[in-house]
Amino acid sequence: MARAKTHKDVEFAVDDSNGRERIFKTFDEAAAFAVVIAADRGDSHIDVLIWSKAGARFYGGDEAVDWYEEDPEASVFERLEITVNNVGRIA
């Protein structure tokens, strides 16, 4: 059985090129958007937002539940930084 790609208590936030927060339900969508922004600006990030212990378990298993329980009110569960280094044409 395939694992679900979304959970109602897990979201991924990425700032767009105008600095507005965009929310995605899947990591794949957030990652694709973050890479596009990073290619334009040089860097970006994905904020992982977890709203429950069940969401933490979905995202990262028992270890993520432990992290969640340490600070369930944290505004960002985890931040992933994306950097793009454009080196130009390669001959």
C-alpha atoms as a PDB file:
ATOM      1  CA  MET A   1       0.000   0.000   0.000  1.00  0.00           C
ATOM      2  CA  ALA A   2       1.360   3.428  -0.947  1.00  0.00           C
ATOM      3  CA  ARG A   3       1.892   6.016   1.774  1.00  0.00           C
ATOM      4  CA  ALA A   4      -0.340   9.103   1.655  1.00  0.00           C
ATOM      5  CA  LYS A   5       1.388  12.248   0.356  1.00  0.00           C
ATOM      6  CA  THR A   6      -0.606  14.670   2.509  1.00  0.00           C
ATOM      7  CA  HIS A   7      -1.824  14.980   6.081  1.00  0.00           C
ATOM      8  CA  LYS A   8      -4.383  17.511   7.290  1.00  0.00           C
ATOM      9  CA  ASP A   9      -1.974  18.705  10.014  1.00  0.00           C
ATOM     10  CA  VAL A  10       1.165  19.114   7.893  1.00  0.00           C
ATOM     11  CA  GLU A  11       1.844  22.096   5.625  1.00  0.00           C
ATOM     12  CA  PHE A  12       4.864  23.508   3.845  1.00  0.00           C
ATOM     13  CA  ALA A  13       5.353  27.278   3.554  1.00  0.00           C
ATOM     14  CA  VAL A  14       7.538  29.065   1.004  1.00  0.00           C
ATOM     15  CA  ASP A  15       7.823  32.824   0.469  1.00  0.00           C
ATOM     16  CA  ASP A  16       7.209  33.876  -3.122  1.00  0.00           C
ATOM     17  CA  SER A  17       9.310  36.455  -4.981  1.00  0.00           C
ATOM     18  CA  ASN A  18       7.257  39.266  -3.373  1.00  0.00           C
ATOM     19  CA  GLY A  19       7.791  37.920   0.128  1.00  0.00           C
ATOM     20  CA  ARG A  20       4.257  36.549   0.498  1.00  0.00           C
ATOM     21  CA  GLU A  21       3.903  33.191   2.180  1.00  0.00           C
ATOM     22  CA  ARG A  22       2.556  30.396  -0.040  1.00  0.00           C
ATOM     23  CA  ILE A  23       1.236  27.221   1.606  1.00  0.00           C
ATOM     24  CA  PHE A  24       1.541  23.780   0.004  1.00  0.00           C
ATOM     25  CA  LYS A  25       0.055  20.471   1.139  1.00  0.00           C
ATOM     26  CA  THR A  26       2.844  18.311  -0.313  1.00  0.00           C
ATOM     27  CA  PHE A  27       6.588  18.523   0.100  1.00  0.00           C
ATOM     28  CA  ASP A  28       7.099  17.938  -3.640  1.00  0.00           C
ATOM     29  CA  GLU A  29       5.066  21.030  -4.580  1.00  0.00           C
ATOM     30  CA  ALA A  30       6.798  23.188  -1.966  1.00  0.00           C
ATOM     31  CA  ALA A  31      10.248  21.972  -3.015  1.00  0.00           C
ATOM     32  CA  ALA A  32       9.613  22.673  -6.698  1.00  0.00           C
ATOM     33  CA  PHE A  33       8.383  26.189  -5.888  1.00  0.00           C
ATOM     34  CA  ALA A  34      11.314  26.856  -3.512  1.00  0.00           C
ATOM     35  CA  VAL A  35      13.850  25.814  -6.164  1.00  0.00           C
ATOM     36  CA  VAL A  36      12.281  28.203  -8.686  1.00  0.00           C
ATOM     37  CA  ILE A  37      12.473  31.051  -6.164  1.00  0.00           C
ATOM     38  CA  ALA A  38      16.061  30.140  -5.253  1.00  0.00           C
ATOM     39  CA  ALA A  39      17.065  30.036  -8.921  1.00  0.00           C
ATOM     40  CA  ASP A  40      15.799  33.618  -9.213  1.00  0.00           C
ATOM     41  CA  ARG A  41      17.099  35.001  -5.880  1.00  0.00           C
ATOM     42  CA  GLY A  42      19.924  32.613  -5.000  1.00  0.00           C
ATOM     43  CA  ASP A  43      18.217  31.193  -1.926  1.00  0.00           C
ATOM     44  CA  SER A  44      14.884  30.240  -0.457  1.00  0.00           C
ATOM     45  CA  HIS A  45      13.538  28.058   2.330  1.00  0.00           C
ATOM     46  CA  ILE A  46      10.723  25.683   3.147  1.00  0.00           C
ATOM     47  CA  ASP A  47       9.101  25.984   6.558  1.00  0.00           C
ATOM     48  CA  VAL A  48       7.520  22.749   7.741  1.00  0.00           C
ATOM     49  CA  LEU A  49       4.383  23.488   9.754  1.00  0.00           C
ATOM     50  CA  ILE A  50       3.083  20.727  12.039  1.00  0.00           C
ATOM     51  CA  TRP A  51      -0.246  21.163  13.841  1.00  0.00           C
ATOM     52  CA  SER A  52      -0.578  17.912  15.846  1.00  0.00           C
ATOM     53  CA  LYS A  53       1.227  14.835  17.153  1.00  0.00           C
ATOM     54  CA  ALA A  54      -0.433  12.846  14.367  1.00  0.00           C
ATOM     55  CA  GLY A  55       0.993  15.291  11.830  1.00  0.00           C
ATOM     56  CA  ALA A  56       4.440  14.977  13.395  1.00  0.00           C
ATOM     57  CA  ARG A  57       4.235  11.175  13.230  1.00  0.00           C
ATOM     58  CA  PHE A  58       3.221  11.379   9.550  1.00  0.00           C
ATOM     59  CA  TYR A  59       6.114  13.736   8.790  1.00  0.00           C
ATOM     60  CA  GLY A  60       8.944  12.056  10.663  1.00  0.00           C
ATOM     61  CA  GLY A  61       7.851   9.145  12.839  1.00  0.00           C
ATOM     62  CA  ASP A  62       8.434   8.779  16.562  1.00  0.00           C
ATOM     63  CA  GLU A  63      11.443  11.113  16.625  1.00  0.00           C
ATOM     64  CA  ALA A  64       9.363  13.915  15.092  1.00  0.00           C
ATOM     65  CA  VAL A  65       6.679  13.322  17.734  1.00  0.00           C
ATOM     66  CA  ASP A  66       9.343  13.797  20.421  1.00  0.00           C
ATOM     67  CA  TRP A  67      10.431  17.083  18.797  1.00  0.00           C
ATOM     68  CA  TYR A  68       6.809  18.216  18.514  1.00  0.00           C
ATOM     69  CA  GLU A  69       6.138  17.458  22.182  1.00  0.00           C
ATOM     70  CA  GLU A  70       9.169  19.563  23.213  1.00  0.00           C
ATOM     71  CA  ASP A  71       7.472  22.688  21.814  1.00  0.00           C
ATOM     72  CA  PRO A  72       3.997  22.095  20.326  1.00  0.00           C
ATOM     73  CA  GLU A  73       3.441  25.855  19.975  1.00  0.00           C
ATOM     74  CA  ALA A  74       6.491  26.418  17.731  1.00  0.00           C
ATOM     75  CA  SER A  75       5.540  28.427  14.680  1.00  0.00           C
ATOM     76  CA  VAL A  76       7.941  26.454  12.464  1.00  0.00           C
ATOM     77  CA  PHE A  77       8.664  22.786  13.142  1.00  0.00           C
ATOM     78  CA  GLU A  78      11.639  22.656  10.798  1.00  0.00           C
ATOM     79  CA  ARG A  79      13.217  24.960   8.202  1.00  0.00           C
ATOM     80  CA  LEU A  80      14.944  23.636   5.094  1.00  0.00           C
ATOM     81  CA  GLU A  81      17.234  26.118   3.333  1.00  0.00           C
ATOM     82  CA  ILE A  82      17.550  25.958  -0.458  1.00  0.00           C
ATOM     83  CA  THR A  83      20.535  27.530  -2.225  1.00  0.00           C
ATOM     84  CA  VAL A  84      21.118  27.722  -5.957  1.00  0.00           C
ATOM     85  CA  ASN A  85      24.572  28.614  -7.211  1.00  0.00           C
ATOM     86  CA  ASN A  86      24.341  29.487 -10.907  1.00  0.00           C
ATOM     87  CA  VAL A  87      27.770  28.881 -12.395  1.00  0.00           C
ATOM     88  CA  GLY A  88      26.747  29.822 -15.924  1.00  0.00           C
ATOM     89  CA  ARG A  89      27.438  27.878 -19.077  1.00  0.00           C
ATOM     90  CA  ILE A  90      29.644  24.801 -18.880  1.00  0.00           C
ATOM     91  CA  ALA A  91      31.676  24.103 -21.985  1.00  0.00           C
END
